[in-house]
N, C-alpha and C. Protein backbone atom coordinates (compact mmCIF):
# COMPACT_ATOMS: atom_id res chain seq x y z
N MET A 1 0.83 -1.18 0.00
CA MET A 1 -0.01 0.01 -0.01
C MET A 1 0.88 1.26 0.00
N LYS A 2 0.52 2.19 -0.84
CA LYS A 2 1.28 3.44 -0.89
C LYS A 2 1.03 4.25 0.36
N LYS A 3 2.06 4.86 0.89
CA LYS A 3 1.95 5.67 2.11
C LYS A 3 1.94 7.15 1.78
N VAL A 4 1.38 7.95 2.67
CA VAL A 4 1.32 9.39 2.51
C VAL A 4 1.91 10.11 3.71
N SER A 5 2.28 11.36 3.51
CA SER A 5 2.73 12.22 4.58
C SER A 5 1.54 13.05 5.06
N ALA A 6 1.22 12.94 6.33
CA ALA A 6 0.16 13.76 6.92
C ALA A 6 0.82 14.99 7.54
N ILE A 7 0.33 16.15 7.14
CA ILE A 7 0.90 17.42 7.61
C ILE A 7 -0.12 18.11 8.44
N ILE A 8 0.27 18.50 9.65
CA ILE A 8 -0.60 19.21 10.57
C ILE A 8 0.14 20.46 11.03
N CYS A 9 -0.40 21.61 10.67
CA CYS A 9 0.19 22.89 11.10
C CYS A 9 -0.67 23.43 12.22
N ALA A 10 -0.02 23.84 13.31
CA ALA A 10 -0.77 24.26 14.47
C ALA A 10 -0.29 25.60 15.01
N TYR A 11 -1.23 26.41 15.37
CA TYR A 11 -0.95 27.65 16.10
C TYR A 11 -1.94 27.77 17.25
N ASN A 12 -1.44 27.62 18.48
CA ASN A 12 -2.27 27.71 19.68
C ASN A 12 -3.48 26.76 19.62
N GLU A 13 -3.20 25.52 19.36
CA GLU A 13 -4.27 24.50 19.24
C GLU A 13 -4.18 23.50 20.39
N GLU A 14 -3.90 23.95 21.59
CA GLU A 14 -3.75 23.04 22.73
C GLU A 14 -5.02 22.23 23.03
N ARG A 15 -6.18 22.74 22.65
CA ARG A 15 -7.42 22.03 22.94
C ARG A 15 -7.66 20.86 22.01
N THR A 16 -7.11 20.88 20.81
CA THR A 16 -7.44 19.88 19.80
C THR A 16 -6.26 19.08 19.25
N ILE A 17 -5.05 19.57 19.41
CA ILE A 17 -3.90 18.99 18.72
C ILE A 17 -3.67 17.51 19.08
N LYS A 18 -3.85 17.17 20.33
CA LYS A 18 -3.61 15.79 20.74
C LYS A 18 -4.57 14.82 20.02
N GLU A 19 -5.83 15.16 20.05
CA GLU A 19 -6.84 14.31 19.44
C GLU A 19 -6.63 14.19 17.93
N VAL A 20 -6.25 15.28 17.30
CA VAL A 20 -6.00 15.26 15.85
C VAL A 20 -4.81 14.36 15.53
N ILE A 21 -3.71 14.52 16.23
CA ILE A 21 -2.52 13.73 15.96
C ILE A 21 -2.81 12.24 16.22
N LEU A 22 -3.45 11.91 17.33
CA LEU A 22 -3.76 10.55 17.64
C LEU A 22 -4.70 9.92 16.58
N SER A 23 -5.67 10.70 16.13
CA SER A 23 -6.59 10.20 15.09
C SER A 23 -5.84 9.92 13.80
N VAL A 24 -4.98 10.84 13.39
CA VAL A 24 -4.24 10.68 12.14
C VAL A 24 -3.29 9.49 12.24
N SER A 25 -2.72 9.27 13.41
CA SER A 25 -1.76 8.18 13.59
C SER A 25 -2.42 6.79 13.40
N LYS A 26 -3.72 6.73 13.49
CA LYS A 26 -4.41 5.45 13.33
C LYS A 26 -4.71 5.12 11.87
N ALA A 27 -4.52 6.05 10.98
CA ALA A 27 -4.81 5.80 9.56
C ALA A 27 -3.68 4.96 8.98
N VAL A 28 -4.01 3.79 8.47
CA VAL A 28 -3.03 2.84 7.93
C VAL A 28 -2.22 3.46 6.78
N ILE A 29 -2.85 4.30 6.02
CA ILE A 29 -2.19 4.87 4.82
C ILE A 29 -1.16 5.94 5.16
N VAL A 30 -1.19 6.45 6.39
CA VAL A 30 -0.25 7.48 6.82
C VAL A 30 1.08 6.86 7.18
N GLY A 31 2.13 7.24 6.44
CA GLY A 31 3.48 6.73 6.68
C GLY A 31 4.27 7.60 7.60
N GLU A 32 3.90 8.86 7.67
CA GLU A 32 4.59 9.78 8.58
C GLU A 32 3.65 10.91 8.92
N ILE A 33 3.89 11.51 10.11
CA ILE A 33 3.13 12.67 10.54
C ILE A 33 4.15 13.79 10.75
N VAL A 34 3.97 14.87 10.03
CA VAL A 34 4.81 16.06 10.19
C VAL A 34 3.97 17.14 10.84
N VAL A 35 4.35 17.55 12.03
CA VAL A 35 3.61 18.56 12.75
C VAL A 35 4.47 19.82 12.86
N VAL A 36 3.92 20.95 12.42
CA VAL A 36 4.63 22.21 12.55
C VAL A 36 3.88 23.07 13.57
N ASN A 37 4.57 23.35 14.64
CA ASN A 37 4.05 24.24 15.68
C ASN A 37 4.51 25.66 15.28
N ASP A 38 3.56 26.45 14.82
CA ASP A 38 3.86 27.74 14.25
C ASP A 38 3.96 28.85 15.29
N GLY A 39 4.90 28.69 16.22
CA GLY A 39 5.14 29.74 17.23
C GLY A 39 4.06 29.87 18.25
N SER A 40 3.41 28.77 18.61
CA SER A 40 2.33 28.82 19.60
C SER A 40 2.80 29.39 20.92
N THR A 41 1.90 30.12 21.59
CA THR A 41 2.23 30.73 22.87
C THR A 41 1.53 30.02 24.03
N ASN A 42 0.82 28.93 23.74
CA ASN A 42 0.19 28.17 24.80
C ASN A 42 0.91 26.83 24.94
N ASN A 43 0.24 25.76 25.35
CA ASN A 43 0.87 24.47 25.59
C ASN A 43 0.93 23.54 24.38
N THR A 44 0.73 24.05 23.21
CA THR A 44 0.76 23.22 22.00
C THR A 44 2.06 22.47 21.87
N LYS A 45 3.19 23.15 22.06
CA LYS A 45 4.49 22.51 21.94
C LYS A 45 4.65 21.38 22.92
N GLU A 46 4.28 21.61 24.15
CA GLU A 46 4.44 20.57 25.18
C GLU A 46 3.58 19.33 24.89
N ILE A 47 2.39 19.56 24.35
CA ILE A 47 1.51 18.44 23.99
C ILE A 47 2.13 17.63 22.85
N ILE A 48 2.66 18.30 21.84
CA ILE A 48 3.31 17.61 20.72
C ILE A 48 4.49 16.81 21.24
N GLU A 49 5.31 17.41 22.09
CA GLU A 49 6.49 16.69 22.61
C GLU A 49 6.11 15.51 23.46
N ALA A 50 5.04 15.61 24.23
CA ALA A 50 4.57 14.46 25.00
C ALA A 50 4.10 13.34 24.09
N LEU A 51 3.45 13.68 23.01
CA LEU A 51 2.96 12.68 22.04
C LEU A 51 4.13 11.98 21.35
N ARG A 52 5.24 12.68 21.16
CA ARG A 52 6.41 12.06 20.50
C ARG A 52 6.94 10.88 21.30
N LYS A 53 6.63 10.82 22.56
CA LYS A 53 7.06 9.68 23.40
C LYS A 53 6.20 8.45 23.12
N GLU A 54 4.99 8.68 22.56
CA GLU A 54 4.05 7.60 22.29
C GLU A 54 4.06 7.14 20.82
N ILE A 55 4.15 8.09 19.93
CA ILE A 55 4.09 7.77 18.50
C ILE A 55 5.16 8.56 17.76
N GLU A 56 5.51 8.07 16.58
CA GLU A 56 6.54 8.71 15.79
C GLU A 56 5.96 9.95 15.08
N ILE A 57 6.55 11.08 15.40
CA ILE A 57 6.14 12.33 14.82
C ILE A 57 7.40 13.11 14.44
N THR A 58 7.36 13.73 13.26
CA THR A 58 8.41 14.72 12.93
C THR A 58 7.85 16.05 13.41
N ALA A 59 8.44 16.59 14.47
CA ALA A 59 7.96 17.85 15.06
C ALA A 59 8.91 18.97 14.71
N ILE A 60 8.32 20.04 14.21
CA ILE A 60 9.08 21.23 13.88
C ILE A 60 8.46 22.37 14.68
N HIS A 61 9.26 23.01 15.52
CA HIS A 61 8.76 24.09 16.36
C HIS A 61 9.38 25.40 15.90
N LEU A 62 8.56 26.29 15.38
CA LEU A 62 9.01 27.61 14.96
C LEU A 62 8.97 28.52 16.18
N GLU A 63 9.99 29.32 16.33
CA GLU A 63 10.09 30.20 17.52
C GLU A 63 9.03 31.32 17.47
N GLU A 64 8.68 31.77 16.29
CA GLU A 64 7.68 32.83 16.17
C GLU A 64 6.66 32.42 15.09
N ASN A 65 5.48 32.98 15.20
CA ASN A 65 4.41 32.70 14.26
C ASN A 65 4.74 33.27 12.89
N LYS A 66 4.86 32.39 11.89
CA LYS A 66 5.23 32.81 10.53
C LYS A 66 4.03 32.76 9.59
N GLY A 67 2.93 32.16 10.01
CA GLY A 67 1.73 32.04 9.20
C GLY A 67 1.60 30.62 8.62
N LYS A 68 0.39 30.29 8.27
CA LYS A 68 0.10 28.93 7.81
C LYS A 68 0.85 28.58 6.54
N GLY A 69 0.96 29.51 5.61
CA GLY A 69 1.69 29.22 4.37
C GLY A 69 3.13 28.82 4.63
N TYR A 70 3.81 29.50 5.51
CA TYR A 70 5.18 29.20 5.85
C TYR A 70 5.26 27.82 6.52
N ALA A 71 4.37 27.58 7.48
CA ALA A 71 4.37 26.32 8.19
C ALA A 71 4.11 25.15 7.22
N MET A 72 3.18 25.33 6.30
CA MET A 72 2.90 24.28 5.32
C MET A 72 4.12 24.00 4.45
N ALA A 73 4.80 25.05 4.02
CA ALA A 73 5.98 24.89 3.14
C ALA A 73 7.10 24.16 3.88
N ILE A 74 7.34 24.52 5.12
CA ILE A 74 8.39 23.86 5.91
C ILE A 74 8.04 22.38 6.07
N ALA A 75 6.78 22.09 6.31
CA ALA A 75 6.36 20.69 6.46
C ALA A 75 6.59 19.90 5.18
N VAL A 76 6.25 20.48 4.05
CA VAL A 76 6.45 19.78 2.76
C VAL A 76 7.94 19.52 2.54
N GLU A 77 8.77 20.53 2.88
CA GLU A 77 10.21 20.33 2.71
C GLU A 77 10.76 19.19 3.56
N ASN A 78 10.11 18.90 4.66
CA ASN A 78 10.56 17.86 5.57
C ASN A 78 9.85 16.54 5.38
N ALA A 79 8.85 16.49 4.53
CA ALA A 79 8.07 15.27 4.31
C ALA A 79 8.81 14.37 3.31
N VAL A 80 8.59 13.06 3.46
CA VAL A 80 9.34 12.13 2.62
C VAL A 80 8.48 11.41 1.55
N PHE A 81 7.17 11.38 1.70
CA PHE A 81 6.36 10.63 0.76
C PHE A 81 5.88 11.50 -0.40
N ASP A 82 5.38 10.86 -1.45
CA ASP A 82 4.98 11.56 -2.68
C ASP A 82 3.64 12.28 -2.56
N ILE A 83 2.80 11.84 -1.64
CA ILE A 83 1.47 12.44 -1.50
C ILE A 83 1.41 13.16 -0.15
N MET A 84 0.99 14.41 -0.16
CA MET A 84 0.84 15.22 1.04
C MET A 84 -0.64 15.33 1.39
N VAL A 85 -0.95 15.12 2.66
CA VAL A 85 -2.31 15.31 3.13
C VAL A 85 -2.24 16.35 4.24
N PHE A 86 -2.88 17.49 4.01
CA PHE A 86 -2.91 18.56 4.98
C PHE A 86 -4.15 18.39 5.85
N ILE A 87 -3.94 18.32 7.16
CA ILE A 87 -5.07 18.15 8.10
C ILE A 87 -5.08 19.38 9.02
N ASP A 88 -6.24 19.97 9.18
CA ASP A 88 -6.36 21.10 10.10
C ASP A 88 -6.19 20.66 11.55
N ALA A 89 -5.46 21.46 12.31
CA ALA A 89 -5.19 21.12 13.70
C ALA A 89 -6.37 21.47 14.62
N ASP A 90 -7.37 22.13 14.11
CA ASP A 90 -8.51 22.50 14.97
C ASP A 90 -9.69 21.54 14.81
N GLN A 91 -9.46 20.41 14.20
CA GLN A 91 -10.48 19.39 14.05
C GLN A 91 -10.62 18.64 15.38
N ARG A 92 -11.57 17.74 15.41
CA ARG A 92 -11.69 16.80 16.52
C ARG A 92 -11.25 15.45 15.99
N ALA A 93 -11.76 14.39 16.50
CA ALA A 93 -11.38 13.05 16.04
C ALA A 93 -11.64 12.91 14.55
N ILE A 94 -10.66 12.43 13.85
CA ILE A 94 -10.75 12.24 12.40
C ILE A 94 -10.80 10.74 12.15
N PRO A 95 -11.88 10.24 11.56
CA PRO A 95 -11.92 8.80 11.27
C PRO A 95 -10.78 8.42 10.32
N SER A 96 -10.12 7.30 10.58
CA SER A 96 -8.99 6.90 9.74
C SER A 96 -9.44 6.67 8.29
N SER A 97 -10.68 6.29 8.11
CA SER A 97 -11.20 6.10 6.75
C SER A 97 -11.26 7.43 5.97
N TYR A 98 -11.37 8.55 6.70
CA TYR A 98 -11.45 9.86 6.06
C TYR A 98 -10.18 10.15 5.25
N ILE A 99 -9.03 9.87 5.85
CA ILE A 99 -7.76 10.13 5.15
C ILE A 99 -7.63 9.25 3.92
N THR A 100 -8.00 7.98 4.06
CA THR A 100 -7.96 7.07 2.91
C THR A 100 -8.90 7.57 1.84
N GLN A 101 -10.09 8.00 2.21
CA GLN A 101 -11.07 8.51 1.27
C GLN A 101 -10.54 9.78 0.59
N LEU A 102 -9.83 10.60 1.34
CA LEU A 102 -9.31 11.84 0.81
C LEU A 102 -8.23 11.60 -0.25
N VAL A 103 -7.37 10.62 -0.03
CA VAL A 103 -6.27 10.39 -1.00
C VAL A 103 -6.61 9.40 -2.12
N SER A 104 -7.71 8.67 -1.98
CA SER A 104 -8.07 7.67 -2.99
C SER A 104 -8.13 8.21 -4.41
N PRO A 105 -8.71 9.39 -4.67
CA PRO A 105 -8.72 9.90 -6.05
C PRO A 105 -7.32 10.12 -6.60
N LEU A 106 -6.35 10.49 -5.76
CA LEU A 106 -4.98 10.64 -6.23
C LEU A 106 -4.37 9.27 -6.54
N LEU A 107 -4.59 8.33 -5.64
CA LEU A 107 -4.04 6.98 -5.86
C LEU A 107 -4.63 6.32 -7.10
N ASN A 108 -5.86 6.68 -7.43
CA ASN A 108 -6.51 6.11 -8.60
C ASN A 108 -6.33 6.95 -9.87
N ASN A 109 -5.46 7.98 -9.76
CA ASN A 109 -5.18 8.87 -10.90
C ASN A 109 -6.42 9.53 -11.46
N GLU A 110 -7.32 9.91 -10.58
CA GLU A 110 -8.58 10.56 -10.99
C GLU A 110 -8.44 12.07 -11.01
N CYS A 111 -7.48 12.61 -10.28
CA CYS A 111 -7.28 14.06 -10.24
C CYS A 111 -5.93 14.39 -9.69
N ASP A 112 -5.59 15.68 -9.68
CA ASP A 112 -4.28 16.15 -9.21
C ASP A 112 -4.32 16.63 -7.78
N MET A 113 -5.49 17.04 -7.31
CA MET A 113 -5.63 17.57 -5.97
C MET A 113 -7.05 17.25 -5.48
N VAL A 114 -7.14 16.99 -4.18
CA VAL A 114 -8.44 16.68 -3.57
C VAL A 114 -8.69 17.65 -2.45
N LEU A 115 -9.87 18.27 -2.44
CA LEU A 115 -10.30 19.12 -1.35
C LEU A 115 -11.07 18.29 -0.34
N GLY A 116 -11.09 18.75 0.90
CA GLY A 116 -11.70 17.99 1.98
C GLY A 116 -13.13 17.54 1.71
N TYR A 117 -13.50 16.47 2.43
CA TYR A 117 -14.80 15.90 2.26
C TYR A 117 -15.74 16.17 3.42
N SER A 118 -15.46 17.15 4.26
CA SER A 118 -16.35 17.43 5.38
C SER A 118 -17.71 17.76 4.85
N THR A 119 -18.74 17.03 5.30
CA THR A 119 -20.08 17.21 4.75
C THR A 119 -21.08 17.41 5.86
N VAL A 120 -22.23 17.93 5.46
CA VAL A 120 -23.40 18.01 6.30
C VAL A 120 -24.54 17.33 5.56
N ASN A 121 -25.49 16.81 6.28
CA ASN A 121 -26.61 16.14 5.65
C ASN A 121 -27.78 17.09 5.54
N ILE A 122 -28.15 17.39 4.28
CA ILE A 122 -29.27 18.29 4.04
C ILE A 122 -30.27 17.53 3.14
N LEU A 123 -31.48 17.36 3.64
CA LEU A 123 -32.52 16.64 2.90
C LEU A 123 -32.04 15.28 2.42
N SER A 124 -31.42 14.56 3.35
CA SER A 124 -30.92 13.20 3.08
C SER A 124 -29.80 13.16 2.05
N GLN A 125 -29.13 14.27 1.81
CA GLN A 125 -27.99 14.32 0.89
C GLN A 125 -26.76 14.80 1.65
N ASP A 126 -25.62 14.13 1.47
CA ASP A 126 -24.38 14.63 2.03
C ASP A 126 -23.85 15.70 1.14
N VAL A 127 -23.73 16.92 1.70
CA VAL A 127 -23.33 18.10 0.92
C VAL A 127 -22.14 18.76 1.62
N ASN A 128 -21.19 19.27 0.85
CA ASN A 128 -20.10 20.02 1.39
C ASN A 128 -20.22 21.47 0.89
N PRO A 129 -21.02 22.29 1.57
CA PRO A 129 -21.27 23.64 1.09
C PRO A 129 -20.05 24.57 1.11
N LEU A 130 -19.05 24.22 1.95
CA LEU A 130 -17.86 25.06 2.08
C LEU A 130 -16.62 24.36 1.58
N LYS A 131 -16.79 23.46 0.59
CA LYS A 131 -15.66 22.67 0.10
C LYS A 131 -14.45 23.52 -0.25
N ILE A 132 -14.66 24.65 -0.84
CA ILE A 132 -13.55 25.53 -1.24
C ILE A 132 -12.78 26.04 -0.01
N LEU A 133 -13.43 26.09 1.15
CA LEU A 133 -12.79 26.63 2.33
C LEU A 133 -12.22 25.58 3.28
N THR A 134 -12.59 24.33 3.06
CA THR A 134 -12.13 23.32 3.99
C THR A 134 -10.60 23.19 3.94
N GLY A 135 -10.00 22.98 5.09
CA GLY A 135 -8.55 22.98 5.18
C GLY A 135 -7.88 21.68 4.73
N GLU A 136 -8.62 20.60 4.66
CA GLU A 136 -8.02 19.34 4.28
C GLU A 136 -7.75 19.33 2.76
N ARG A 137 -6.56 18.95 2.43
CA ARG A 137 -6.14 18.89 1.02
C ARG A 137 -5.26 17.66 0.88
N ALA A 138 -5.28 17.08 -0.30
CA ALA A 138 -4.34 16.01 -0.65
C ALA A 138 -3.81 16.32 -2.03
N LEU A 139 -2.51 16.29 -2.20
CA LEU A 139 -1.90 16.56 -3.47
C LEU A 139 -0.51 15.95 -3.54
N TYR A 140 0.02 15.92 -4.72
CA TYR A 140 1.36 15.34 -4.94
C TYR A 140 2.39 16.35 -4.52
N LYS A 141 3.43 15.89 -3.87
CA LYS A 141 4.53 16.73 -3.44
C LYS A 141 5.17 17.46 -4.62
N GLU A 142 5.31 16.76 -5.72
CA GLU A 142 5.94 17.38 -6.91
C GLU A 142 5.14 18.56 -7.43
N ASP A 143 3.84 18.59 -7.19
CA ASP A 143 3.01 19.68 -7.66
C ASP A 143 3.07 20.90 -6.75
N ILE A 144 3.35 20.72 -5.49
CA ILE A 144 3.40 21.85 -4.56
C ILE A 144 4.81 22.42 -4.39
N THR A 145 5.82 21.55 -4.65
CA THR A 145 7.21 21.99 -4.46
C THR A 145 7.57 23.27 -5.21
N PRO A 146 7.14 23.47 -6.45
CA PRO A 146 7.52 24.70 -7.17
C PRO A 146 7.02 25.98 -6.54
N ILE A 147 6.02 25.92 -5.68
CA ILE A 147 5.49 27.18 -5.10
C ILE A 147 5.82 27.32 -3.61
N LEU A 148 6.72 26.53 -3.09
CA LEU A 148 7.04 26.62 -1.66
C LEU A 148 7.55 27.98 -1.23
N ASP A 149 8.34 28.62 -2.07
CA ASP A 149 8.84 29.95 -1.71
C ASP A 149 7.69 30.97 -1.62
N LYS A 150 6.73 30.88 -2.52
CA LYS A 150 5.57 31.76 -2.47
C LYS A 150 4.73 31.48 -1.24
N MET A 151 4.63 30.20 -0.88
CA MET A 151 3.86 29.85 0.32
C MET A 151 4.49 30.44 1.57
N LYS A 152 5.83 30.44 1.60
CA LYS A 152 6.52 30.98 2.78
C LYS A 152 6.26 32.46 2.96
N GLU A 153 5.99 33.17 1.88
CA GLU A 153 5.71 34.60 1.94
C GLU A 153 4.29 34.90 2.30
N SER A 154 3.42 33.93 2.17
CA SER A 154 2.00 34.12 2.41
C SER A 154 1.65 33.81 3.86
N ARG A 155 0.91 34.67 4.52
CA ARG A 155 0.49 34.40 5.90
C ARG A 155 -0.59 33.32 5.96
N LEU A 156 -1.38 33.20 4.92
CA LEU A 156 -2.55 32.28 4.96
C LEU A 156 -2.36 31.04 4.15
N GLY A 157 -1.31 30.90 3.41
CA GLY A 157 -1.13 29.71 2.59
C GLY A 157 -1.42 30.01 1.14
N VAL A 158 -1.08 29.07 0.31
CA VAL A 158 -1.28 29.21 -1.11
C VAL A 158 -1.94 27.96 -1.62
N CYS A 159 -2.93 28.11 -2.44
CA CYS A 159 -3.57 26.96 -3.04
C CYS A 159 -3.22 26.95 -4.52
N PRO A 160 -2.40 25.99 -4.96
CA PRO A 160 -2.01 25.97 -6.35
C PRO A 160 -3.18 25.74 -7.27
N SER A 161 -3.09 26.20 -8.49
CA SER A 161 -4.15 25.98 -9.48
C SER A 161 -3.97 24.62 -10.14
N PHE A 162 -5.05 23.92 -10.19
CA PHE A 162 -5.06 22.62 -10.84
C PHE A 162 -6.28 22.55 -11.73
N SER A 163 -6.10 21.95 -12.89
CA SER A 163 -7.21 21.80 -13.77
C SER A 163 -8.08 20.59 -13.39
N ASN A 164 -7.51 19.71 -12.61
CA ASN A 164 -8.21 18.47 -12.30
C ASN A 164 -8.31 18.30 -10.79
N VAL A 165 -9.24 19.04 -10.16
CA VAL A 165 -9.44 19.02 -8.73
C VAL A 165 -10.68 18.24 -8.39
N CYS A 166 -10.57 17.33 -7.44
CA CYS A 166 -11.73 16.54 -6.98
C CYS A 166 -12.34 17.22 -5.75
């Protein structure tokens, strides 16, 4: 089975970071977890370090807040697998099947990038009304590498243009 790099960028997420990391660690498809603590001023760093004693995490602690774009770029530079999955640190428990579902279109060569699948049920239909805003993304490392410098300059991150987005 092909493995992916799960990237979690956190800024002052002491309430949710532990649950997110533990949830992601249960996904069989995740080969590594890269966590970037983007200069948090609360206990986020301590929680990440405590978790490193339980599970394997690549932890990067930035001394000052550089913004999500910078944190994402640093994580990609340190990730080893071909597929990157960005997971928001302010989520709650993430079902392990969610990550597999998120990367499946990439593994099946159906598209170049996948936006998150967070849905709500409206009239018995699963709908993602904010799909464009959801933080979960899956894409190939080779597609994001050319824009890492631009991402570092952006406080909010950069979403590359793809013609084939799922």
